[in-house]
Amino acid sequence: MAELHPACVPLAFLLGTWQGTGTGVYPTIEDFSYAEEVSFTHAGKPFVAYVQKTKDAGSGLPLHAEAGFLRPQGDGRVELVLVQPSGIAELLEGKVEARDVHLVSTAVLGTASAKPVTATERRFWVEGEVLHSSVAMAAMGLELQHHVVSEMYRLS
């Protein structure tokens, strides 16, 4: 494996594959529970690749997936470029402090068939051996609000 790029050292706490469970809520849908797997990997370049997929907790059927790149910018600043098969692309900017990454969207774009999402906010943080992930979104004409939260444990 390639040596971690020096710019990515502040994100090293995320590296690996994590699995766990989460819950989701939003006024336009029924509450739900899910199983989640997230991988953060690197190739020696100044970015960390991110891949996420979820399944329904009961049936095991696929729910959601997304992929992107965390791009450290120095001084604790970080960008996330993210795409979803639902036709949504997000550009987010934020900070990494200790073992916490907090990002706010600067642009959310959608294809003609995508559901209307106008803003997102994401957070990844590690407490002990647990990776927490949360997403808030403004969608379907509603204001920015909590959508999903999960807790995962490192597999590798």
N, C-alpha and C. Protein backbone atom coordinates (compact mmCIF):
# COMPACT_ATOMS: atom_id res chain seq x y z
N MET A 1 0.84 -1.18 0.00
CA MET A 1 0.00 0.00 0.00
C MET A 1 0.89 1.24 0.00
N ALA A 2 0.43 2.25 -0.66
CA ALA A 2 1.17 3.52 -0.76
C ALA A 2 1.23 4.20 0.61
N GLU A 3 2.26 4.99 0.79
CA GLU A 3 2.39 5.77 2.02
C GLU A 3 1.33 6.87 2.02
N LEU A 4 0.77 7.14 3.20
CA LEU A 4 -0.26 8.17 3.34
C LEU A 4 0.33 9.53 2.97
N HIS A 5 -0.34 10.24 2.09
CA HIS A 5 0.10 11.59 1.71
C HIS A 5 0.08 12.48 2.96
N PRO A 6 1.10 13.32 3.16
CA PRO A 6 1.15 14.17 4.36
C PRO A 6 -0.11 15.02 4.57
N ALA A 7 -0.73 15.47 3.49
CA ALA A 7 -1.94 16.29 3.62
C ALA A 7 -3.10 15.51 4.25
N CYS A 8 -3.06 14.17 4.14
CA CYS A 8 -4.15 13.33 4.63
C CYS A 8 -3.99 12.88 6.08
N VAL A 9 -2.87 13.20 6.69
CA VAL A 9 -2.63 12.77 8.08
C VAL A 9 -3.78 13.18 9.01
N PRO A 10 -4.35 14.39 8.91
CA PRO A 10 -5.47 14.73 9.81
C PRO A 10 -6.70 13.84 9.64
N LEU A 11 -6.80 13.12 8.51
CA LEU A 11 -7.95 12.25 8.25
C LEU A 11 -7.64 10.78 8.52
N ALA A 12 -6.42 10.48 8.97
CA ALA A 12 -5.99 9.08 9.15
C ALA A 12 -6.90 8.32 10.11
N PHE A 13 -7.51 8.99 11.06
CA PHE A 13 -8.38 8.32 12.03
C PHE A 13 -9.60 7.67 11.37
N LEU A 14 -9.94 8.09 10.14
CA LEU A 14 -11.09 7.53 9.43
C LEU A 14 -10.73 6.28 8.62
N LEU A 15 -9.47 6.09 8.29
CA LEU A 15 -9.07 5.04 7.36
C LEU A 15 -9.51 3.66 7.83
N GLY A 16 -9.99 2.89 6.86
CA GLY A 16 -10.44 1.53 7.13
C GLY A 16 -11.86 1.31 6.66
N THR A 17 -12.36 0.13 6.95
CA THR A 17 -13.74 -0.23 6.64
C THR A 17 -14.50 -0.37 7.95
N TRP A 18 -15.66 0.24 8.00
CA TRP A 18 -16.47 0.30 9.21
C TRP A 18 -17.86 -0.27 8.90
N GLN A 19 -18.46 -0.96 9.86
CA GLN A 19 -19.82 -1.47 9.72
C GLN A 19 -20.61 -1.20 10.99
N GLY A 20 -21.91 -0.98 10.80
CA GLY A 20 -22.77 -0.76 11.95
C GLY A 20 -24.20 -0.56 11.54
N THR A 21 -24.93 0.17 12.39
CA THR A 21 -26.36 0.38 12.14
C THR A 21 -26.71 1.84 12.36
N GLY A 22 -27.86 2.21 11.81
CA GLY A 22 -28.31 3.58 11.96
C GLY A 22 -29.82 3.68 11.85
N THR A 23 -30.30 4.91 12.06
CA THR A 23 -31.72 5.19 11.94
C THR A 23 -31.91 6.45 11.10
N GLY A 24 -33.03 6.51 10.42
CA GLY A 24 -33.34 7.66 9.59
C GLY A 24 -34.75 8.15 9.82
N VAL A 25 -34.89 9.47 9.69
CA VAL A 25 -36.19 10.12 9.81
C VAL A 25 -36.23 11.27 8.81
N TYR A 26 -37.40 11.60 8.35
CA TYR A 26 -37.62 12.80 7.54
C TYR A 26 -39.13 12.95 7.41
N PRO A 27 -39.63 14.17 7.41
CA PRO A 27 -41.09 14.36 7.39
C PRO A 27 -41.80 13.74 6.18
N THR A 28 -41.10 13.53 5.08
CA THR A 28 -41.75 13.04 3.87
C THR A 28 -41.69 11.52 3.72
N ILE A 29 -41.05 10.82 4.69
CA ILE A 29 -40.93 9.36 4.60
C ILE A 29 -41.18 8.73 5.97
N GLU A 30 -41.35 7.41 5.98
CA GLU A 30 -41.48 6.68 7.24
C GLU A 30 -40.10 6.53 7.87
N ASP A 31 -40.05 6.56 9.20
CA ASP A 31 -38.79 6.30 9.91
C ASP A 31 -38.28 4.92 9.51
N PHE A 32 -36.95 4.74 9.55
CA PHE A 32 -36.37 3.47 9.13
C PHE A 32 -35.08 3.19 9.89
N SER A 33 -34.69 1.91 9.88
CA SER A 33 -33.42 1.46 10.44
C SER A 33 -32.63 0.81 9.32
N TYR A 34 -31.31 0.89 9.42
CA TYR A 34 -30.48 0.36 8.35
C TYR A 34 -29.15 -0.17 8.87
N ALA A 35 -28.55 -1.03 8.05
CA ALA A 35 -27.17 -1.49 8.26
C ALA A 35 -26.30 -0.70 7.29
N GLU A 36 -25.12 -0.32 7.74
CA GLU A 36 -24.26 0.55 6.94
C GLU A 36 -22.84 0.02 6.89
N GLU A 37 -22.21 0.19 5.73
CA GLU A 37 -20.78 -0.07 5.60
C GLU A 37 -20.14 1.13 4.93
N VAL A 38 -19.05 1.59 5.51
CA VAL A 38 -18.31 2.76 5.00
C VAL A 38 -16.84 2.38 4.89
N SER A 39 -16.21 2.78 3.80
CA SER A 39 -14.77 2.59 3.64
C SER A 39 -14.11 3.92 3.33
N PHE A 40 -13.00 4.18 4.02
CA PHE A 40 -12.13 5.32 3.74
C PHE A 40 -10.77 4.74 3.36
N THR A 41 -10.31 5.02 2.16
CA THR A 41 -9.05 4.47 1.67
C THR A 41 -8.19 5.57 1.07
N HIS A 42 -6.92 5.26 0.86
CA HIS A 42 -6.03 6.24 0.22
C HIS A 42 -5.11 5.51 -0.76
N ALA A 43 -4.53 6.28 -1.68
CA ALA A 43 -3.61 5.74 -2.68
C ALA A 43 -2.32 6.55 -2.72
N GLY A 44 -2.01 7.23 -1.62
CA GLY A 44 -0.80 8.02 -1.57
C GLY A 44 -0.93 9.41 -2.18
N LYS A 45 -2.11 9.75 -2.62
CA LYS A 45 -2.40 11.06 -3.22
C LYS A 45 -3.03 11.96 -2.16
N PRO A 46 -3.18 13.27 -2.43
CA PRO A 46 -3.72 14.18 -1.41
C PRO A 46 -5.25 14.15 -1.31
N PHE A 47 -5.81 12.95 -1.18
CA PHE A 47 -7.25 12.78 -0.95
C PHE A 47 -7.49 11.44 -0.29
N VAL A 48 -8.65 11.31 0.35
CA VAL A 48 -9.10 10.05 0.93
C VAL A 48 -10.40 9.69 0.21
N ALA A 49 -10.44 8.48 -0.38
CA ALA A 49 -11.63 8.00 -1.07
C ALA A 49 -12.65 7.50 -0.04
N TYR A 50 -13.92 7.75 -0.33
CA TYR A 50 -15.02 7.41 0.57
C TYR A 50 -16.08 6.64 -0.22
N VAL A 51 -16.51 5.49 0.31
CA VAL A 51 -17.59 4.71 -0.30
C VAL A 51 -18.52 4.29 0.83
N GLN A 52 -19.82 4.48 0.61
CA GLN A 52 -20.82 4.15 1.61
C GLN A 52 -21.96 3.40 0.96
N LYS A 53 -22.49 2.39 1.68
CA LYS A 53 -23.70 1.71 1.21
C LYS A 53 -24.51 1.28 2.42
N THR A 54 -25.83 1.32 2.25
CA THR A 54 -26.73 0.91 3.33
C THR A 54 -27.72 -0.12 2.82
N LYS A 55 -28.23 -0.91 3.77
CA LYS A 55 -29.25 -1.92 3.50
C LYS A 55 -30.34 -1.78 4.55
N ASP A 56 -31.56 -2.14 4.18
CA ASP A 56 -32.67 -2.16 5.12
C ASP A 56 -32.34 -3.14 6.25
N ALA A 57 -32.53 -2.72 7.49
CA ALA A 57 -32.17 -3.56 8.64
C ALA A 57 -32.98 -4.85 8.68
N GLY A 58 -34.21 -4.82 8.23
CA GLY A 58 -35.06 -6.01 8.28
C GLY A 58 -34.89 -6.94 7.10
N SER A 59 -35.01 -6.39 5.91
CA SER A 59 -35.00 -7.23 4.70
C SER A 59 -33.61 -7.45 4.11
N GLY A 60 -32.67 -6.57 4.42
CA GLY A 60 -31.34 -6.67 3.81
C GLY A 60 -31.26 -6.10 2.42
N LEU A 61 -32.37 -5.53 1.94
CA LEU A 61 -32.37 -4.96 0.59
C LEU A 61 -31.60 -3.64 0.56
N PRO A 62 -30.91 -3.36 -0.54
CA PRO A 62 -30.15 -2.11 -0.65
C PRO A 62 -31.05 -0.89 -0.51
N LEU A 63 -30.54 0.14 0.20
CA LEU A 63 -31.27 1.39 0.38
C LEU A 63 -30.59 2.55 -0.34
N HIS A 64 -29.31 2.74 -0.06
CA HIS A 64 -28.62 3.95 -0.52
C HIS A 64 -27.15 3.63 -0.73
N ALA A 65 -26.52 4.42 -1.58
CA ALA A 65 -25.07 4.32 -1.79
C ALA A 65 -24.57 5.70 -2.18
N GLU A 66 -23.29 5.94 -1.89
CA GLU A 66 -22.65 7.18 -2.31
C GLU A 66 -21.15 6.97 -2.32
N ALA A 67 -20.47 7.79 -3.08
CA ALA A 67 -19.01 7.70 -3.17
C ALA A 67 -18.45 9.09 -3.40
N GLY A 68 -17.22 9.28 -2.93
CA GLY A 68 -16.62 10.59 -3.12
C GLY A 68 -15.20 10.65 -2.62
N PHE A 69 -14.72 11.87 -2.46
CA PHE A 69 -13.35 12.11 -2.06
C PHE A 69 -13.28 13.23 -1.04
N LEU A 70 -12.63 12.95 0.09
CA LEU A 70 -12.29 13.98 1.07
C LEU A 70 -10.96 14.58 0.63
N ARG A 71 -10.93 15.90 0.50
CA ARG A 71 -9.76 16.60 -0.03
C ARG A 71 -9.25 17.61 1.00
N PRO A 72 -8.23 17.24 1.79
CA PRO A 72 -7.70 18.19 2.78
C PRO A 72 -7.08 19.40 2.09
N GLN A 73 -7.30 20.59 2.68
CA GLN A 73 -6.84 21.83 2.09
C GLN A 73 -5.83 22.57 2.97
N GLY A 74 -5.38 21.96 4.06
CA GLY A 74 -4.46 22.61 4.98
C GLY A 74 -5.21 23.41 6.02
N ASP A 75 -4.53 23.71 7.11
CA ASP A 75 -5.12 24.50 8.22
C ASP A 75 -6.42 23.90 8.73
N GLY A 76 -6.59 22.57 8.63
CA GLY A 76 -7.80 21.92 9.13
C GLY A 76 -8.99 21.98 8.19
N ARG A 77 -8.83 22.65 7.07
CA ARG A 77 -9.94 22.74 6.11
C ARG A 77 -10.01 21.46 5.28
N VAL A 78 -11.22 21.05 4.91
CA VAL A 78 -11.41 19.86 4.09
C VAL A 78 -12.62 20.05 3.19
N GLU A 79 -12.53 19.46 2.01
CA GLU A 79 -13.64 19.46 1.05
C GLU A 79 -14.10 18.02 0.84
N LEU A 80 -15.37 17.85 0.51
CA LEU A 80 -15.90 16.55 0.13
C LEU A 80 -16.65 16.71 -1.19
N VAL A 81 -16.25 15.92 -2.17
CA VAL A 81 -16.94 15.83 -3.46
C VAL A 81 -17.66 14.50 -3.44
N LEU A 82 -18.98 14.50 -3.60
CA LEU A 82 -19.78 13.31 -3.35
C LEU A 82 -20.84 13.12 -4.44
N VAL A 83 -21.04 11.87 -4.87
CA VAL A 83 -22.10 11.56 -5.84
C VAL A 83 -22.95 10.40 -5.34
N GLN A 84 -24.20 10.39 -5.77
CA GLN A 84 -25.15 9.35 -5.39
C GLN A 84 -25.83 8.82 -6.66
N PRO A 85 -26.15 7.53 -6.71
CA PRO A 85 -26.82 6.99 -7.90
C PRO A 85 -28.24 7.53 -8.09
N SER A 86 -28.76 8.23 -7.08
CA SER A 86 -30.09 8.84 -7.19
C SER A 86 -30.07 10.11 -8.04
N GLY A 87 -28.88 10.49 -8.54
CA GLY A 87 -28.77 11.66 -9.40
C GLY A 87 -28.36 12.92 -8.68
N ILE A 88 -27.89 12.79 -7.44
CA ILE A 88 -27.51 13.96 -6.64
C ILE A 88 -25.99 14.02 -6.50
N ALA A 89 -25.45 15.22 -6.64
CA ALA A 89 -24.03 15.47 -6.41
C ALA A 89 -23.92 16.59 -5.38
N GLU A 90 -23.02 16.40 -4.41
CA GLU A 90 -22.83 17.39 -3.35
C GLU A 90 -21.39 17.88 -3.34
N LEU A 91 -21.21 19.16 -3.12
CA LEU A 91 -19.92 19.76 -2.83
C LEU A 91 -20.02 20.34 -1.44
N LEU A 92 -19.11 19.89 -0.56
CA LEU A 92 -19.16 20.33 0.84
C LEU A 92 -17.79 20.83 1.27
N GLU A 93 -17.79 21.76 2.21
CA GLU A 93 -16.56 22.28 2.79
C GLU A 93 -16.71 22.31 4.30
N GLY A 94 -15.58 22.13 4.98
CA GLY A 94 -15.65 22.17 6.43
C GLY A 94 -14.30 22.06 7.07
N LYS A 95 -14.31 21.52 8.29
CA LYS A 95 -13.10 21.44 9.12
C LYS A 95 -12.93 20.03 9.65
N VAL A 96 -11.67 19.67 9.84
CA VAL A 96 -11.33 18.47 10.59
C VAL A 96 -10.58 18.94 11.83
N GLU A 97 -11.10 18.55 12.99
CA GLU A 97 -10.50 18.91 14.27
C GLU A 97 -10.43 17.66 15.12
N ALA A 98 -9.22 17.28 15.51
CA ALA A 98 -9.00 16.07 16.29
C ALA A 98 -9.58 14.89 15.52
N ARG A 99 -10.62 14.25 16.04
CA ARG A 99 -11.23 13.08 15.38
C ARG A 99 -12.66 13.40 14.97
N ASP A 100 -12.84 14.58 14.36
CA ASP A 100 -14.17 15.08 14.00
C ASP A 100 -14.08 15.85 12.69
N VAL A 101 -14.91 15.46 11.72
CA VAL A 101 -15.01 16.16 10.43
C VAL A 101 -16.43 16.68 10.32
N HIS A 102 -16.56 18.00 10.14
CA HIS A 102 -17.88 18.62 10.01
C HIS A 102 -17.90 19.37 8.68
N LEU A 103 -18.89 19.07 7.83
CA LEU A 103 -18.97 19.61 6.48
C LEU A 103 -20.35 20.19 6.20
N VAL A 104 -20.36 21.29 5.45
CA VAL A 104 -21.60 21.96 5.05
C VAL A 104 -21.58 22.12 3.54
N SER A 105 -22.69 21.87 2.90
CA SER A 105 -22.73 21.96 1.43
C SER A 105 -22.54 23.39 0.95
N THR A 106 -21.79 23.51 -0.14
CA THR A 106 -21.68 24.77 -0.86
C THR A 106 -22.49 24.71 -2.14
N ALA A 107 -22.79 23.48 -2.59
CA ALA A 107 -23.64 23.28 -3.76
C ALA A 107 -24.20 21.86 -3.72
N VAL A 108 -25.47 21.73 -4.07
CA VAL A 108 -26.10 20.42 -4.24
C VAL A 108 -26.77 20.47 -5.61
N LEU A 109 -26.38 19.55 -6.47
CA LEU A 109 -26.91 19.51 -7.83
C LEU A 109 -27.67 18.22 -8.02
N GLY A 110 -28.70 18.26 -8.86
CA GLY A 110 -29.47 17.07 -9.14
C GLY A 110 -29.81 16.97 -10.61
N THR A 111 -29.92 15.74 -11.08
CA THR A 111 -30.38 15.50 -12.44
C THR A 111 -31.86 15.86 -12.52
N ALA A 112 -32.40 15.84 -13.72
CA ALA A 112 -33.82 16.18 -13.91
C ALA A 112 -34.74 15.22 -13.15
N SER A 113 -34.30 13.97 -12.96
CA SER A 113 -35.15 12.98 -12.29
C SER A 113 -34.87 12.84 -10.79
N ALA A 114 -33.88 13.56 -10.26
CA ALA A 114 -33.52 13.45 -8.84
C ALA A 114 -34.53 14.21 -7.97
N LYS A 115 -34.69 13.72 -6.73
CA LYS A 115 -35.52 14.45 -5.78
C LYS A 115 -34.83 15.78 -5.47
N PRO A 116 -35.61 16.85 -5.24
CA PRO A 116 -34.99 18.15 -4.99
C PRO A 116 -34.35 18.25 -3.60
N VAL A 117 -33.03 18.31 -3.58
CA VAL A 117 -32.26 18.52 -2.35
C VAL A 117 -31.51 19.83 -2.54
N THR A 118 -31.62 20.75 -1.59
CA THR A 118 -31.00 22.07 -1.75
C THR A 118 -29.81 22.32 -0.84
N ALA A 119 -29.68 21.54 0.25
CA ALA A 119 -28.56 21.73 1.17
C ALA A 119 -28.35 20.46 1.98
N THR A 120 -27.10 20.23 2.39
CA THR A 120 -26.77 19.11 3.26
C THR A 120 -25.72 19.54 4.28
N GLU A 121 -25.67 18.80 5.34
CA GLU A 121 -24.64 18.98 6.36
C GLU A 121 -24.26 17.57 6.82
N ARG A 122 -22.96 17.29 6.88
CA ARG A 122 -22.49 15.96 7.23
C ARG A 122 -21.43 16.03 8.32
N ARG A 123 -21.40 14.98 9.13
CA ARG A 123 -20.39 14.92 10.18
C ARG A 123 -19.94 13.47 10.35
N PHE A 124 -18.64 13.27 10.46
CA PHE A 124 -18.03 12.00 10.82
C PHE A 124 -17.18 12.25 12.05
N TRP A 125 -17.37 11.46 13.12
CA TRP A 125 -16.52 11.63 14.28
C TRP A 125 -16.31 10.27 14.94
N VAL A 126 -15.13 10.12 15.53
CA VAL A 126 -14.77 8.88 16.19
C VAL A 126 -14.62 9.14 17.68
N GLU A 127 -15.35 8.34 18.46
CA GLU A 127 -15.24 8.35 19.92
C GLU A 127 -14.84 6.95 20.33
N GLY A 128 -13.67 6.82 20.95
CA GLY A 128 -13.17 5.49 21.28
C GLY A 128 -12.96 4.70 20.01
N GLU A 129 -13.67 3.59 19.88
CA GLU A 129 -13.55 2.74 18.69
C GLU A 129 -14.79 2.82 17.80
N VAL A 130 -15.61 3.84 17.99
CA VAL A 130 -16.88 3.95 17.26
C VAL A 130 -16.84 5.14 16.30
N LEU A 131 -17.15 4.87 15.03
CA LEU A 131 -17.33 5.93 14.04
C LEU A 131 -18.80 6.31 14.03
N HIS A 132 -19.07 7.58 14.26
CA HIS A 132 -20.43 8.11 14.18
C HIS A 132 -20.54 8.89 12.87
N SER A 133 -21.70 8.81 12.26
CA SER A 133 -21.96 9.55 11.03
C SER A 133 -23.35 10.15 11.12
N SER A 134 -23.47 11.40 10.71
CA SER A 134 -24.80 12.02 10.69
C SER A 134 -24.94 12.87 9.43
N VAL A 135 -26.17 12.95 8.96
CA VAL A 135 -26.49 13.75 7.78
C VAL A 135 -27.77 14.52 8.07
N ALA A 136 -27.72 15.81 7.77
CA ALA A 136 -28.93 16.65 7.76
C ALA A 136 -29.13 17.08 6.31
N MET A 137 -30.38 17.30 5.93
CA MET A 137 -30.62 17.76 4.56
C MET A 137 -31.85 18.65 4.49
N ALA A 138 -31.83 19.49 3.47
CA ALA A 138 -33.00 20.28 3.10
C ALA A 138 -33.47 19.69 1.77
N ALA A 139 -34.64 19.09 1.77
CA ALA A 139 -35.14 18.41 0.58
C ALA A 139 -36.65 18.56 0.49
N MET A 140 -37.17 18.35 -0.70
CA MET A 140 -38.61 18.34 -0.92
C MET A 140 -39.27 19.63 -0.43
N GLY A 141 -38.55 20.75 -0.54
CA GLY A 141 -39.08 22.04 -0.14
C GLY A 141 -39.00 22.33 1.35
N LEU A 142 -38.37 21.45 2.13
CA LEU A 142 -38.27 21.63 3.57
C LEU A 142 -36.92 22.24 3.96
N GLU A 143 -36.85 22.83 5.15
CA GLU A 143 -35.62 23.42 5.67
C GLU A 143 -34.63 22.33 6.09
N LEU A 144 -33.37 22.70 6.23
CA LEU A 144 -32.32 21.79 6.69
C LEU A 144 -32.71 21.18 8.04
N GLN A 145 -32.67 19.84 8.12
CA GLN A 145 -33.01 19.14 9.35
C GLN A 145 -32.38 17.76 9.37
N HIS A 146 -32.30 17.18 10.56
CA HIS A 146 -31.71 15.86 10.76
C HIS A 146 -32.36 14.83 9.83
N HIS A 147 -31.52 13.95 9.27
CA HIS A 147 -32.04 12.87 8.42
C HIS A 147 -31.59 11.49 8.91
N VAL A 148 -30.27 11.25 9.01
CA VAL A 148 -29.78 9.93 9.44
C VAL A 148 -28.62 10.07 10.43
N VAL A 149 -28.47 9.04 11.27
CA VAL A 149 -27.34 8.95 12.18
C VAL A 149 -26.99 7.47 12.32
N SER A 150 -25.68 7.17 12.41
CA SER A 150 -25.26 5.78 12.55
C SER A 150 -24.04 5.67 13.46
N GLU A 151 -23.82 4.44 13.93
CA GLU A 151 -22.65 4.08 14.71
C GLU A 151 -22.05 2.84 14.07
N MET A 152 -20.73 2.91 13.81
CA MET A 152 -20.07 1.80 13.13
C MET A 152 -18.77 1.43 13.86
N TYR A 153 -18.36 0.18 13.65
CA TYR A 153 -17.13 -0.34 14.24
C TYR A 153 -16.17 -0.75 13.13
N ARG A 154 -14.89 -0.53 13.35
CA ARG A 154 -13.87 -0.79 12.32
C ARG A 154 -13.70 -2.29 12.10
N LEU A 155 -13.77 -2.69 10.83
CA LEU A 155 -13.50 -4.08 10.45
C LEU A 155 -12.03 -4.27 10.10
N SER A 156 -11.47 -3.24 9.44
CA SER A 156 -10.05 -3.32 9.03
C SER A 156 -9.44 -1.94 9.01
